[in-house]
C-alpha atoms as a PDB file:
ATOM      1  CA  UNK A   1      11.539 -84.930 -17.581  1.00  0.00           C
ATOM      2  CA  UNK A   2      14.780 -83.381 -16.461  1.00  0.00           C
ATOM      3  CA  UNK A   3      18.490 -84.121 -16.071  1.00  0.00           C
ATOM      4  CA  UNK A   4      20.263 -84.199 -12.691  1.00  0.00           C
ATOM      5  CA  UNK A   5      23.677 -83.158 -12.892  1.00  0.00           C
ATOM      6  CA  UNK A   6      17.075 -56.158  -7.921  1.00  0.00           C
ATOM      7  CA  UNK A   7      16.510 -55.589  -4.916  1.00  0.00           C
ATOM      8  CA  UNK A   8      16.743 -57.328  -1.649  1.00  0.00           C
ATOM      9  CA  UNK A   9      14.843 -56.470   1.504  1.00  0.00           C
ATOM     10  CA  UNK A  10      16.742 -57.030   4.711  1.00  0.00           C
ATOM     11  CA  UNK A  11      17.172 -60.733   5.497  1.00  0.00           C
ATOM     12  CA  UNK A  12      17.159 -60.053   9.188  1.00  0.00           C
ATOM     13  CA  UNK A  13      13.729 -61.500   9.754  1.00  0.00           C
ATOM     14  CA  UNK A  14      15.225 -64.833   8.835  1.00  0.00           C
ATOM     15  CA  UNK A  15      17.515 -64.698  11.885  1.00  0.00           C
ATOM     16  CA  UNK A  16      15.459 -64.129  14.999  1.00  0.00           C
ATOM     17  CA  UNK A  17      16.560 -66.447  17.864  1.00  0.00           C
ATOM     18  CA  UNK A  18      13.928 -65.111  20.227  1.00  0.00           C
ATOM     19  CA  UNK A  19      11.002 -66.160  17.986  1.00  0.00           C
ATOM     20  CA  UNK A  20      12.545 -68.888  15.843  1.00  0.00           C
ATOM     21  CA  UNK A  21      13.448 -71.241  18.681  1.00  0.00           C
ATOM     22  CA  UNK A  22      15.462 -74.254  17.546  1.00  0.00           C
ATOM     23  CA  UNK A  23      13.843 -74.607  14.104  1.00  0.00           C
ATOM     24  CA  UNK A  24      16.477 -74.705  11.433  1.00  0.00           C
ATOM     25  CA  UNK A  25      16.481 -74.942   7.621  1.00  0.00           C
ATOM     26  CA  UNK A  26      19.170 -75.261   4.990  1.00  0.00           C
ATOM     27  CA  UNK A  27      19.973 -72.461   2.533  1.00  0.00           C
ATOM     28  CA  UNK A  28      22.516 -71.576  -0.074  1.00  0.00           C
ATOM     29  CA  UNK A  29      24.248 -68.446   1.271  1.00  0.00           C
ATOM     30  CA  UNK A  30      27.106 -66.059   0.643  1.00  0.00           C
ATOM     31  CA  UNK A  31      28.889 -63.852   3.105  1.00  0.00           C
ATOM     32  CA  UNK A  32      31.210 -62.111   0.546  1.00  0.00           C
ATOM     33  CA  UNK A  33      30.965 -61.245  -3.126  1.00  0.00           C
ATOM     34  CA  UNK A  34      32.941 -63.081  -5.800  1.00  0.00           C
ATOM     35  CA  UNK A  35      33.171 -66.333  -7.741  1.00  0.00           C
ATOM     36  CA  UNK A  36      31.002 -69.351  -7.038  1.00  0.00           C
ATOM     37  CA  UNK A  37      33.558 -70.293  -4.344  1.00  0.00           C
ATOM     38  CA  UNK A  38      31.839 -67.815  -1.969  1.00  0.00           C
ATOM     39  CA  UNK A  39      28.646 -69.964  -1.874  1.00  0.00           C
ATOM     40  CA  UNK A  40      28.007 -71.844   1.326  1.00  0.00           C
ATOM     41  CA  UNK A  41      25.246 -74.371   1.955  1.00  0.00           C
ATOM     42  CA  UNK A  42      24.499 -74.069   5.630  1.00  0.00           C
ATOM     43  CA  UNK A  43      21.917 -74.272   8.393  1.00  0.00           C
ATOM     44  CA  UNK A  44      20.145 -71.057   9.402  1.00  0.00           C
ATOM     45  CA  UNK A  45      16.999 -70.155  11.288  1.00  0.00           C
ATOM     46  CA  UNK A  46      13.639 -70.615   9.665  1.00  0.00           C
ATOM     47  CA  UNK A  47      11.823 -67.501   8.412  1.00  0.00           C
ATOM     48  CA  UNK A  48       9.593 -65.757  10.881  1.00  0.00           C
ATOM     49  CA  UNK A  49       6.412 -64.703   9.097  1.00  0.00           C
ATOM     50  CA  UNK A  50       5.194 -61.166   9.056  1.00  0.00           C
ATOM     51  CA  UNK A  51       1.585 -60.135   8.475  1.00  0.00           C
ATOM     52  CA  UNK A  52       0.557 -60.807   4.891  1.00  0.00           C
ATOM     53  CA  UNK A  53       3.228 -63.514   4.363  1.00  0.00           C
ATOM     54  CA  UNK A  54       2.755 -67.253   3.870  1.00  0.00           C
ATOM     55  CA  UNK A  55       5.445 -69.890   4.406  1.00  0.00           C
ATOM     56  CA  UNK A  56       6.291 -71.893   1.332  1.00  0.00           C
ATOM     57  CA  UNK A  57       8.252 -75.173   1.360  1.00  0.00           C
ATOM     58  CA  UNK A  58      10.336 -75.012  -1.763  1.00  0.00           C
ATOM     59  CA  UNK A  59      10.216 -77.829  -4.324  1.00  0.00           C
ATOM     60  CA  UNK A  60      12.170 -76.181  -7.143  1.00  0.00           C
ATOM     61  CA  UNK A  61      14.172 -72.984  -7.389  1.00  0.00           C
ATOM     62  CA  UNK A  62      15.027 -71.201 -10.629  1.00  0.00           C
ATOM     63  CA  UNK A  63      18.578 -69.976 -11.259  1.00  0.00           C
ATOM     64  CA  UNK A  64      18.898 -66.790 -13.318  1.00  0.00           C
ATOM     65  CA  UNK A  65      21.781 -64.775 -14.665  1.00  0.00           C
ATOM     66  CA  UNK A  66      20.871 -61.954 -12.351  1.00  0.00           C
ATOM     67  CA  UNK A  67      21.684 -64.313  -9.423  1.00  0.00           C
ATOM     68  CA  UNK A  68      25.258 -64.484 -10.737  1.00  0.00           C
ATOM     69  CA  UNK A  69      25.350 -60.691 -10.949  1.00  0.00           C
ATOM     70  CA  UNK A  70      24.227 -60.372  -7.301  1.00  0.00           C
ATOM     71  CA  UNK A  71      26.720 -63.016  -6.222  1.00  0.00           C
ATOM     72  CA  UNK A  72      29.473 -60.987  -7.929  1.00  0.00           C
ATOM     73  CA  UNK A  73      28.436 -57.718  -6.288  1.00  0.00           C
ATOM     74  CA  UNK A  74      27.208 -56.127  -9.540  1.00  0.00           C
ATOM     75  CA  UNK A  75      23.605 -55.970  -8.299  1.00  0.00           C
ATOM     76  CA  UNK A  76      23.177 -54.865  -4.698  1.00  0.00           C
ATOM     77  CA  UNK A  77      21.954 -56.858  -1.750  1.00  0.00           C
ATOM     78  CA  UNK A  78      20.572 -55.078   1.260  1.00  0.00           C
ATOM     79  CA  UNK A  79      20.892 -56.178   4.864  1.00  0.00           C
ATOM     80  CA  UNK A  80      23.924 -58.028   6.016  1.00  0.00           C
ATOM     81  CA  UNK A  81      25.646 -61.399   5.546  1.00  0.00           C
ATOM     82  CA  UNK A  82      24.959 -64.170   5.268  1.00  0.00           C
ATOM     83  CA  UNK A  83      22.856 -63.277   2.227  1.00  0.00           C
ATOM     84  CA  UNK A  84      20.370 -65.588   0.538  1.00  0.00           C
ATOM     85  CA  UNK A  85      20.224 -65.210  -3.257  1.00  0.00           C
ATOM     86  CA  UNK A  86      17.371 -66.094  -5.695  1.00  0.00           C
ATOM     87  CA  UNK A  87      14.015 -64.726  -6.677  1.00  0.00           C
ATOM     88  CA  UNK A  88      12.101 -67.518  -8.425  1.00  0.00           C
ATOM     89  CA  UNK A  89      10.642 -70.857  -7.411  1.00  0.00           C
ATOM     90  CA  UNK A  90       7.645 -73.078  -6.707  1.00  0.00           C
ATOM     91  CA  UNK A  91       6.460 -75.121  -3.830  1.00  0.00           C
ATOM     92  CA  UNK A  92       3.612 -75.851  -1.404  1.00  0.00           C
ATOM     93  CA  UNK A  93       2.182 -73.740   1.350  1.00  0.00           C
ATOM     94  CA  UNK A  94       3.422 -74.951   4.722  1.00  0.00           C
ATOM     95  CA  UNK A  95       1.880 -72.232   6.908  1.00  0.00           C
ATOM     96  CA  UNK A  96      -0.929 -69.998   5.540  1.00  0.00           C
ATOM     97  CA  UNK A  97      -0.511 -67.636   8.495  1.00  0.00           C
ATOM     98  CA  UNK A  98      -4.339 -67.480   8.777  1.00  0.00           C
ATOM     99  CA  UNK A  99      -4.688 -66.058   5.268  1.00  0.00           C
ATOM    100  CA  UNK A 100      -8.209 -66.904   3.999  1.00  0.00           C
ATOM    101  CA  UNK A 101      -7.149 -67.532   0.416  1.00  0.00           C
ATOM    102  CA  UNK A 102      -4.507 -70.184   1.126  1.00  0.00           C
ATOM    103  CA  UNK A 103      -4.298 -73.384   3.126  1.00  0.00           C
ATOM    104  CA  UNK A 104      -1.414 -75.773   3.849  1.00  0.00           C
ATOM    105  CA  UNK A 105      -0.701 -77.933   0.831  1.00  0.00           C
ATOM    106  CA  UNK A 106      -1.695 -75.388  -1.763  1.00  0.00           C
ATOM    107  CA  UNK A 107       0.641 -75.261  -4.782  1.00  0.00           C
ATOM    108  CA  UNK A 108       2.151 -71.784  -5.474  1.00  0.00           C
ATOM    109  CA  UNK A 109       4.959 -70.211  -7.453  1.00  0.00           C
ATOM    110  CA  UNK A 110       6.663 -66.815  -7.543  1.00  0.00           C
ATOM    111  CA  UNK A 111       8.943 -64.813  -9.802  1.00  0.00           C
ATOM    112  CA  UNK A 112       9.852 -61.881  -7.623  1.00  0.00           C
ATOM    113  CA  UNK A 113      10.436 -62.918  -3.979  1.00  0.00           C
ATOM    114  CA  UNK A 114      13.872 -62.677  -2.503  1.00  0.00           C
ATOM    115  CA  UNK A 115      15.693 -65.361  -0.402  1.00  0.00           C
ATOM    116  CA  UNK A 116      14.522 -68.145  -2.677  1.00  0.00           C
ATOM    117  CA  UNK A 117      17.602 -70.300  -2.339  1.00  0.00           C
ATOM    118  CA  UNK A 118      16.358 -71.991   0.829  1.00  0.00           C
ATOM    119  CA  UNK A 119      14.175 -74.840   1.997  1.00  0.00           C
ATOM    120  CA  UNK A 120      11.550 -72.432   3.305  1.00  0.00           C
ATOM    121  CA  UNK A 121      10.621 -68.924   1.984  1.00  0.00           C
ATOM    122  CA  UNK A 122       8.378 -66.282   3.421  1.00  0.00           C
ATOM    123  CA  UNK A 123       6.270 -65.220   0.443  1.00  0.00           C
ATOM    124  CA  UNK A 124       4.102 -62.083   0.533  1.00  0.00           C
ATOM    125  CA  UNK A 125       0.522 -62.814  -0.418  1.00  0.00           C
ATOM    126  CA  UNK A 126       0.708 -60.313  -3.203  1.00  0.00           C
ATOM    127  CA  UNK A 127       3.546 -62.275  -4.858  1.00  0.00           C
ATOM    128  CA  UNK A 128       2.105 -65.792  -4.562  1.00  0.00           C
ATOM    129  CA  UNK A 129       0.813 -67.111  -7.827  1.00  0.00           C
ATOM    130  CA  UNK A 130      -1.588 -70.130  -7.597  1.00  0.00           C
ATOM    131  CA  UNK A 131      -0.195 -72.994  -9.602  1.00  0.00           C
ATOM    132  CA  UNK A 132      -2.558 -75.160 -11.680  1.00  0.00           C
ATOM    133  CA  UNK A 133      -2.381 -78.903 -11.007  1.00  0.00           C
ATOM    134  CA  UNK A 134      -1.408 -79.435 -14.702  1.00  0.00           C
ATOM    135  CA  UNK A 135       1.744 -77.229 -14.305  1.00  0.00           C
ATOM    136  CA  UNK A 136       4.560 -79.075 -12.534  1.00  0.00           C
ATOM    137  CA  UNK A 137       6.830 -77.419 -10.032  1.00  0.00           C
ATOM    138  CA  UNK A 138       9.713 -77.921 -12.463  1.00  0.00           C
ATOM    139  CA  UNK A 139       7.823 -76.218 -15.296  1.00  0.00           C
ATOM    140  CA  UNK A 140       6.809 -73.305 -13.113  1.00  0.00           C
ATOM    141  CA  UNK A 141      10.295 -72.638 -11.909  1.00  0.00           C
ATOM    142  CA  UNK A 142      11.587 -73.071 -15.467  1.00  0.00           C
ATOM    143  CA  UNK A 143       9.404 -70.509 -17.109  1.00  0.00           C
ATOM    144  CA  UNK A 144       7.804 -68.107 -14.677  1.00  0.00           C
ATOM    145  CA  UNK A 145      10.369 -65.324 -14.472  1.00  0.00           C
ATOM    146  CA  UNK A 146      11.614 -65.751 -18.016  1.00  0.00           C
ATOM    147  CA  UNK A 147       8.098 -66.341 -19.369  1.00  0.00           C
ATOM    148  CA  UNK A 148       6.768 -63.183 -17.688  1.00  0.00           C
ATOM    149  CA  UNK A 149       9.782 -61.368 -19.153  1.00  0.00           C
ATOM    150  CA  UNK A 150       8.940 -62.604 -22.664  1.00  0.00           C
ATOM    151  CA  UNK A 151       5.348 -61.606 -22.040  1.00  0.00           C
ATOM    152  CA  UNK A 152       5.967 -57.961 -21.151  1.00  0.00           C
ATOM    153  CA  UNK A 153       8.642 -57.588 -23.889  1.00  0.00           C
ATOM    154  CA  UNK A 154       6.171 -58.607 -26.550  1.00  0.00           C
ATOM    155  CA  UNK A 155       3.044 -56.993 -25.007  1.00  0.00           C
ATOM    156  CA  UNK A 156       4.425 -53.806 -23.524  1.00  0.00           C
ATOM    157  CA  UNK A 157       7.993 -52.813 -24.473  1.00  0.00           C
ATOM    158  CA  UNK A 158       7.102 -53.499 -28.129  1.00  0.00           C
ATOM    159  CA  UNK A 159       3.683 -54.784 -28.949  1.00  0.00           C
ATOM    160  CA  UNK A 160       4.222 -57.529 -31.504  1.00  0.00           C
ATOM    161  CA  UNK A 161       1.766 -57.363 -34.450  1.00  0.00           C
ATOM    162  CA  UNK A 162       1.108 -59.990 -37.097  1.00  0.00           C
ATOM    163  CA  UNK A 163       3.428 -59.735 -40.014  1.00  0.00           C
ATOM    164  CA  UNK A 164       6.262 -58.052 -38.148  1.00  0.00           C
ATOM    165  CA  UNK A 165       9.822 -59.385 -38.044  1.00  0.00           C
ATOM    166  CA  UNK A 166      11.641 -59.653 -34.749  1.00  0.00           C
ATOM    167  CA  UNK A 167      15.349 -60.264 -34.173  1.00  0.00           C
ATOM    168  CA  UNK A 168      16.109 -62.132 -30.958  1.00  0.00           C
ATOM    169  CA  UNK A 169      19.605 -62.095 -29.449  1.00  0.00           C
ATOM    170  CA  UNK A 170      20.813 -65.129 -27.426  1.00  0.00           C
ATOM    171  CA  UNK A 171      17.947 -67.046 -29.048  1.00  0.00           C
ATOM    172  CA  UNK A 172      18.772 -70.376 -27.355  1.00  0.00           C
ATOM    173  CA  UNK A 173      18.934 -68.769 -23.868  1.00  0.00           C
ATOM    174  CA  UNK A 174      16.075 -68.971 -21.376  1.00  0.00           C
ATOM    175  CA  UNK A 175      14.269 -65.774 -22.363  1.00  0.00           C
ATOM    176  CA  UNK A 176      15.324 -66.157 -26.012  1.00  0.00           C
ATOM    177  CA  UNK A 177      13.658 -69.588 -26.375  1.00  0.00           C
ATOM    178  CA  UNK A 178      10.335 -68.237 -24.990  1.00  0.00           C
ATOM    179  CA  UNK A 179      10.582 -64.970 -26.990  1.00  0.00           C
ATOM    180  CA  UNK A 180      10.820 -67.028 -30.210  1.00  0.00           C
ATOM    181  CA  UNK A 181       7.696 -68.934 -29.371  1.00  0.00           C
ATOM    182  CA  UNK A 182       5.646 -65.964 -28.112  1.00  0.00           C
ATOM    183  CA  UNK A 183       6.493 -63.886 -31.204  1.00  0.00           C
ATOM    184  CA  UNK A 184       5.407 -66.829 -33.406  1.00  0.00           C
ATOM    185  CA  UNK A 185       2.136 -67.155 -31.466  1.00  0.00           C
ATOM    186  CA  UNK A 186       1.510 -63.474 -32.077  1.00  0.00           C
ATOM    187  CA  UNK A 187       2.100 -63.830 -35.788  1.00  0.00           C
ATOM    188  CA  UNK A 188       5.580 -62.450 -36.216  1.00  0.00           C
ATOM    189  CA  UNK A 189       8.530 -63.757 -38.252  1.00  0.00           C
ATOM    190  CA  UNK A 190      11.552 -64.441 -36.047  1.00  0.00           C
ATOM    191  CA  UNK A 191      15.275 -64.287 -36.757  1.00  0.00           C
ATOM    192  CA  UNK A 192      17.542 -65.615 -33.973  1.00  0.00           C
ATOM    193  CA  UNK A 193      21.178 -65.080 -33.127  1.00  0.00           C
ATOM    194  CA  UNK A 194      23.259 -67.671 -31.280  1.00  0.00           C
ATOM    195  CA  UNK A 195      26.874 -68.466 -30.412  1.00  0.00           C
ATOM    196  CA  UNK A 196      27.129 -72.086 -31.600  1.00  0.00           C
ATOM    197  CA  UNK A 197      25.703 -74.594 -34.098  1.00  0.00           C
ATOM    198  CA  UNK A 198      24.132 -76.540 -31.248  1.00  0.00           C
ATOM    199  CA  UNK A 199      22.355 -73.467 -29.967  1.00  0.00           C
ATOM    200  CA  UNK A 200      21.312 -72.568 -33.497  1.00  0.00           C
ATOM    201  CA  UNK A 201      19.564 -75.933 -33.798  1.00  0.00           C
ATOM    202  CA  UNK A 202      17.757 -75.373 -30.507  1.00  0.00           C
ATOM    203  CA  UNK A 203      16.383 -72.019 -31.714  1.00  0.00           C
ATOM    204  CA  UNK A 204      15.338 -73.469 -35.037  1.00  0.00           C
ATOM    205  CA  UNK A 205      13.534 -76.333 -33.334  1.00  0.00           C
ATOM    206  CA  UNK A 206      11.423 -73.840 -31.449  1.00  0.00           C
ATOM    207  CA  UNK A 207      10.140 -72.163 -34.611  1.00  0.00           C
ATOM    208  CA  UNK A 208      12.677 -69.463 -35.515  1.00  0.00           C
ATOM    209  CA  UNK A 209      12.458 -68.762 -39.304  1.00  0.00           C
ATOM    210  CA  UNK A 210      16.275 -68.309 -39.475  1.00  0.00           C
ATOM    211  CA  UNK A 211      19.212 -68.308 -37.035  1.00  0.00           C
ATOM    212  CA  UNK A 212      22.617 -66.804 -37.644  1.00  0.00           C
ATOM    213  CA  UNK A 213      25.837 -67.201 -35.616  1.00  0.00           C
ATOM    214  CA  UNK A 214      27.523 -64.244 -33.940  1.00  0.00           C
ATOM    215  CA  UNK A 215      30.843 -65.253 -35.512  1.00  0.00           C
ATOM    216  CA  UNK A 216      29.337 -64.882 -38.986  1.00  0.00           C
ATOM    217  CA  UNK A 217      28.518 -61.524 -40.566  1.00  0.00           C
ATOM    218  CA  UNK A 218      25.131 -61.538 -38.981  1.00  0.00           C
ATOM    219  CA  UNK A 219      24.312 -57.928 -39.712  1.00  0.00           C
ATOM    220  CA  UNK A 220      24.660 -58.524 -43.438  1.00  0.00           C
ATOM    221  CA  UNK A 221      22.685 -61.806 -43.252  1.00  0.00           C
ATOM    222  CA  UNK A 222      19.822 -60.118 -41.408  1.00  0.00           C
ATOM    223  CA  UNK A 223      19.687 -57.282 -43.958  1.00  0.00           C
ATOM    224  CA  UNK A 224      19.758 -59.814 -46.816  1.00  0.00           C
ATOM    225  CA  UNK A 225      16.543 -61.265 -45.377  1.00  0.00           C
ATOM    226  CA  UNK A 226      15.046 -57.861 -44.486  1.00  0.00           C
ATOM    227  CA  UNK A 227      16.531 -55.181 -46.789  1.00  0.00           C
ATOM    228  CA  UNK A 228      14.616 -52.429 -44.988  1.00  0.00           C
ATOM    229  CA  UNK A 229      15.520 -53.793 -41.531  1.00  0.00           C
ATOM    230  CA  UNK A 230      13.522 -55.614 -38.836  1.00  0.00           C
ATOM    231  CA  UNK A 231      10.625 -54.126 -36.885  1.00  0.00           C
ATOM    232  CA  UNK A 232      12.067 -54.826 -33.482  1.00  0.00           C
ATOM    233  CA  UNK A 233      15.283 -56.225 -31.972  1.00  0.00           C
ATOM    234  CA  UNK A 234      15.269 -57.788 -28.487  1.00  0.00           C
ATOM    235  CA  UNK A 235      18.826 -57.279 -27.197  1.00  0.00           C
ATOM    236  CA  UNK A 236      19.988 -58.735 -23.886  1.00  0.00           C
ATOM    237  CA  UNK A 237      23.715 -58.494 -24.581  1.00  0.00           C
ATOM    238  CA  UNK A 238      24.558 -54.779 -24.720  1.00  0.00           C
ATOM    239  CA  UNK A 239      27.878 -55.035 -26.629  1.00  0.00           C
ATOM    240  CA  UNK A 240      25.772 -55.925 -29.678  1.00  0.00           C
ATOM    241  CA  UNK A 241      23.652 -52.768 -29.623  1.00  0.00           C
ATOM    242  CA  UNK A 242      25.369 -50.958 -32.457  1.00  0.00           C
ATOM    243  CA  UNK A 243      24.631 -53.899 -34.729  1.00  0.00           C
ATOM    244  CA  UNK A 244      21.091 -54.137 -33.409  1.00  0.00           C
ATOM    245  CA  UNK A 245      20.470 -50.510 -34.290  1.00  0.00           C
ATOM    246  CA  UNK A 246      21.996 -51.042 -37.705  1.00  0.00           C
ATOM    247  CA  UNK A 247      19.558 -53.784 -38.687  1.00  0.00           C
ATOM    248  CA  UNK A 248      16.446 -52.050 -37.334  1.00  0.00           C
ATOM    249  CA  UNK A 249      14.260 -50.323 -39.909  1.00  0.00           C
ATOM    250  CA  UNK A 250      13.521 -46.634 -39.903  1.00  0.00           C
ATOM    251  CA  UNK A 251      10.954 -45.984 -37.182  1.00  0.00           C
ATOM    252  CA  UNK A 252      11.789 -49.412 -35.752  1.00  0.00           C
ATOM    253  CA  UNK A 253      12.552 -50.208 -32.186  1.00  0.00           C
ATOM    254  CA  UNK A 254      15.364 -51.829 -30.170  1.00  0.00           C
ATOM    255  CA  UNK A 255      14.412 -53.170 -26.759  1.00  0.00           C
ATOM    256  CA  UNK A 256      17.391 -53.516 -24.325  1.00  0.00           C
ATOM    257  CA  UNK A 257      16.560 -55.824 -21.431  1.00  0.00           C
ATOM    258  CA  UNK A 258      19.955 -57.099 -20.272  1.00  0.00           C
ATOM    259  CA  UNK A 259      23.721 -56.572 -20.279  1.00  0.00           C
ATOM    260  CA  UNK A 260      25.092 -60.054 -20.588  1.00  0.00           C
ATOM    261  CA  UNK A 261      28.046 -58.609 -22.465  1.00  0.00           C
ATOM    262  CA  UNK A 262      28.954 -56.437 -19.511  1.00  0.00           C
ATOM    263  CA  UNK A 263      28.613 -53.033 -21.157  1.00  0.00           C
ATOM    264  CA  UNK A 264      26.531 -51.001 -23.655  1.00  0.00           C
ATOM    265  CA  UNK A 265      27.919 -49.938 -27.007  1.00  0.00           C
ATOM    266  CA  UNK A 266      25.544 -47.642 -28.854  1.00  0.00           C
ATOM    267  CA  UNK A 267      27.678 -46.310 -31.732  1.00  0.00           C
ATOM    268  CA  UNK A 268      26.999 -42.908 -33.260  1.00  0.00           C
ATOM    269  CA  UNK A 269      23.938 -41.290 -31.684  1.00  0.00           C
ATOM    270  CA  UNK A 270      23.518 -38.904 -34.667  1.00  0.00           C
ATOM    271  CA  UNK A 271      22.887 -41.887 -36.928  1.00  0.00           C
ATOM    272  CA  UNK A 272      20.187 -43.126 -34.505  1.00  0.00           C
ATOM    273  CA  UNK A 273      18.458 -39.706 -34.618  1.00  0.00           C
ATOM    274  CA  UNK A 274      18.772 -39.402 -38.389  1.00  0.00           C
ATOM    275  CA  UNK A 275      16.936 -42.721 -38.885  1.00  0.00           C
ATOM    276  CA  UNK A 276      14.248 -42.147 -36.251  1.00  0.00           C
ATOM    277  CA  UNK A 277      14.995 -45.342 -34.426  1.00  0.00           C
ATOM    278  CA  UNK A 278      13.757 -45.891 -30.894  1.00  0.00           C
ATOM    279  CA  UNK A 279      15.786 -47.535 -28.099  1.00  0.00           C
ATOM    280  CA  UNK A 280      13.809 -48.519 -25.020  1.00  0.00           C
ATOM    281  CA  UNK A 281      14.604 -50.461 -21.849  1.00  0.00           C
ATOM    282  CA  UNK A 282      12.690 -53.279 -20.299  1.00  0.00           C
ATOM    283  CA  UNK A 283      12.548 -54.348 -16.681  1.00  0.00           C
ATOM    284  CA  UNK A 284      10.017 -56.948 -15.457  1.00  0.00           C
ATOM    285  CA  UNK A 285       9.785 -55.326 -12.005  1.00  0.00           C
ATOM    286  CA  UNK A 286       8.101 -52.241 -13.527  1.00  0.00           C
ATOM    287  CA  UNK A 287       5.234 -54.476 -14.776  1.00  0.00           C
ATOM    288  CA  UNK A 288       4.663 -56.849 -11.877  1.00  0.00           C
ATOM    289  CA  UNK A 289       3.197 -54.065  -9.790  1.00  0.00           C
ATOM    290  CA  UNK A 290       0.173 -55.912  -8.321  1.00  0.00           C
ATOM    291  CA  UNK A 291      -1.200 -59.336  -7.551  1.00  0.00           C
ATOM    292  CA  UNK A 292      -3.702 -58.879 -10.377  1.00  0.00           C
ATOM    293  CA  UNK A 293      -0.853 -58.211 -12.918  1.00  0.00           C
ATOM    294  CA  UNK A 294       1.134 -61.244 -11.704  1.00  0.00           C
ATOM    295  CA  UNK A 295      -1.847 -63.577 -11.968  1.00  0.00           C
ATOM    296  CA  UNK A 296      -3.139 -62.197 -15.293  1.00  0.00           C
ATOM    297  CA  UNK A 297       0.251 -62.504 -16.993  1.00  0.00           C
ATOM    298  CA  UNK A 298       1.132 -65.872 -15.562  1.00  0.00           C
ATOM    299  CA  UNK A 299      -2.317 -67.388 -16.427  1.00  0.00           C
ATOM    300  CA  UNK A 300      -1.786 -66.286 -20.029  1.00  0.00           C
ATOM    301  CA  UNK A 301       1.567 -68.093 -20.093  1.00  0.00           C
ATOM    302  CA  UNK A 302       0.214 -71.188 -18.381  1.00  0.00           C
ATOM    303  CA  UNK A 303      -2.595 -71.295 -20.991  1.00  0.00           C
ATOM    304  CA  UNK A 304      -0.082 -71.249 -23.804  1.00  0.00           C
ATOM    305  CA  UNK A 305       1.883 -74.125 -22.199  1.00  0.00           C
ATOM    306  CA  UNK A 306      -1.193 -76.244 -21.582  1.00  0.00           C
ATOM    307  CA  UNK A 307      -2.416 -75.620 -25.164  1.00  0.00           C
ATOM    308  CA  UNK A 308       0.945 -76.907 -26.475  1.00  0.00           C
ATOM    309  CA  UNK A 309       1.833 -73.536 -28.011  1.00  0.00           C
ATOM    310  CA  UNK A 310       4.876 -73.123 -25.734  1.00  0.00           C
ATOM    311  CA  UNK A 311       7.464 -75.860 -25.555  1.00  0.00           C
ATOM    312  CA  UNK A 312       9.517 -75.941 -22.391  1.00  0.00           C
ATOM    313  CA  UNK A 313      13.051 -77.397 -22.780  1.00  0.00           C
ATOM    314  CA  UNK A 314      13.983 -80.048 -20.169  1.00  0.00           C
ATOM    315  CA  UNK A 315      15.853 -78.245 -17.334  1.00  0.00           C
ATOM    316  CA  UNK A 316      19.118 -79.272 -15.811  1.00  0.00           C
ATOM    317  CA  UNK A 317      18.566 -79.902 -12.101  1.00  0.00           C
ATOM    318  CA  UNK A 318      20.995 -79.719  -9.206  1.00  0.00           C
ATOM    319  CA  UNK A 319      20.556 -80.276  -5.493  1.00  0.00           C
ATOM    320  CA  UNK A 320      20.503 -76.919  -3.637  1.00  0.00           C
ATOM    321  CA  UNK A 321      23.604 -78.148  -1.873  1.00  0.00           C
ATOM    322  CA  UNK A 322      25.296 -78.304  -5.297  1.00  0.00           C
ATOM    323  CA  UNK A 323      24.669 -74.612  -5.905  1.00  0.00           C
ATOM    324  CA  UNK A 324      28.260 -73.972  -6.849  1.00  0.00           C
ATOM    325  CA  UNK A 325      28.016 -76.497  -9.746  1.00  0.00           C
ATOM    326  CA  UNK A 326      24.737 -74.907 -10.904  1.00  0.00           C
ATOM    327  CA  UNK A 327      26.395 -71.369 -10.947  1.00  0.00           C
ATOM    328  CA  UNK A 328      29.470 -72.719 -12.724  1.00  0.00           C
ATOM    329  CA  UNK A 329      27.334 -74.315 -15.478  1.00  0.00           C
ATOM    330  CA  UNK A 330      25.453 -71.106 -16.131  1.00  0.00           C
ATOM    331  CA  UNK A 331      28.600 -68.994 -15.955  1.00  0.00           C
ATOM    332  CA  UNK A 332      30.240 -71.250 -18.544  1.00  0.00           C
ATOM    333  CA  UNK A 333      27.416 -70.383 -20.962  1.00  0.00           C
ATOM    334  CA  UNK A 334      27.132 -73.994 -21.994  1.00  0.00           C
ATOM    335  CA  UNK A 335      23.532 -74.566 -20.917  1.00  0.00           C
ATOM    336  CA  UNK A 336      20.507 -74.086 -23.205  1.00  0.00           C
ATOM    337  CA  UNK A 337      17.570 -74.948 -20.970  1.00  0.00           C
ATOM    338  CA  UNK A 338      16.731 -73.704 -17.483  1.00  0.00           C
ATOM    339  CA  UNK A 339      18.930 -74.559 -14.557  1.00  0.00           C
ATOM    340  CA  UNK A 340      16.979 -75.501 -11.385  1.00  0.00           C
ATOM    341  CA  UNK A 341      17.987 -76.321  -7.845  1.00  0.00           C
ATOM    342  CA  UNK A 342      16.033 -78.634  -5.543  1.00  0.00           C
ATOM    343  CA  UNK A 343      16.229 -78.506  -1.790  1.00  0.00           C
END
């Protein structure tokens, strides 16, 4: 059920008149960096497959905050305009390009393939994740990138152990919702932070043991619950880092995996040293280094969903042609579930 409302390789192989003939597809593009006004839904040439790539007809496309950062010029795009944004989605194989492991009609998804905001995407075999019949296209595009992020944050950046307490920033956001549930599956207590009462209720409904608002004295409230501090803080904001460090126990860990606040504020580094606290960074691309890693991690997440251990909030879905509205909704920070676009 849903409601309707890093790096880029060069996109030049999408524009090859000699080989592409008259075949055209629609894509959400941008030729300059800026607000959502720069987005253009237009007709361009179909992708021309290289060796080791399959052609995927997109059914759903995931919108992520990083897409807004790329649109604004904060994250780089290689090649030249018109650029195609997006990294995540799900669909069916249209052309297997003679690859023995795929055939037309196979259901696949991906979390780390550029140029996803289009009707057709050239997907390297290494990045194509087979999609179980029980997992819908909407579910895959809703959880794959954020779910794999929650997976590596709890398995690698800080290995969650039973009995630990984790503090999750932006607990009602896409990654935050999944982090709450994964931490609970692994036996941890979870404290969430959110910006509104509505978002607080979302986080509580997903199993958070307590949720505090940013406008309250959240540091004091966290330390009231955990006088010695929490074992780990998952911080995707950056401007909250000084507070995150303050509520982390001695020998505890802060995992920074985003800068939604626009900058990093650490506070006094001598205080960090004196309390033997560790700050580490987390980037999904450093963990999705092989097809085996992609499939192993995604299969674990799909198992949790099918077992009912992970609840996926209904996404808000736009037509790809309504990409500007999708970007505006995310930029307004009013959404709680995933935002998807459908060609």
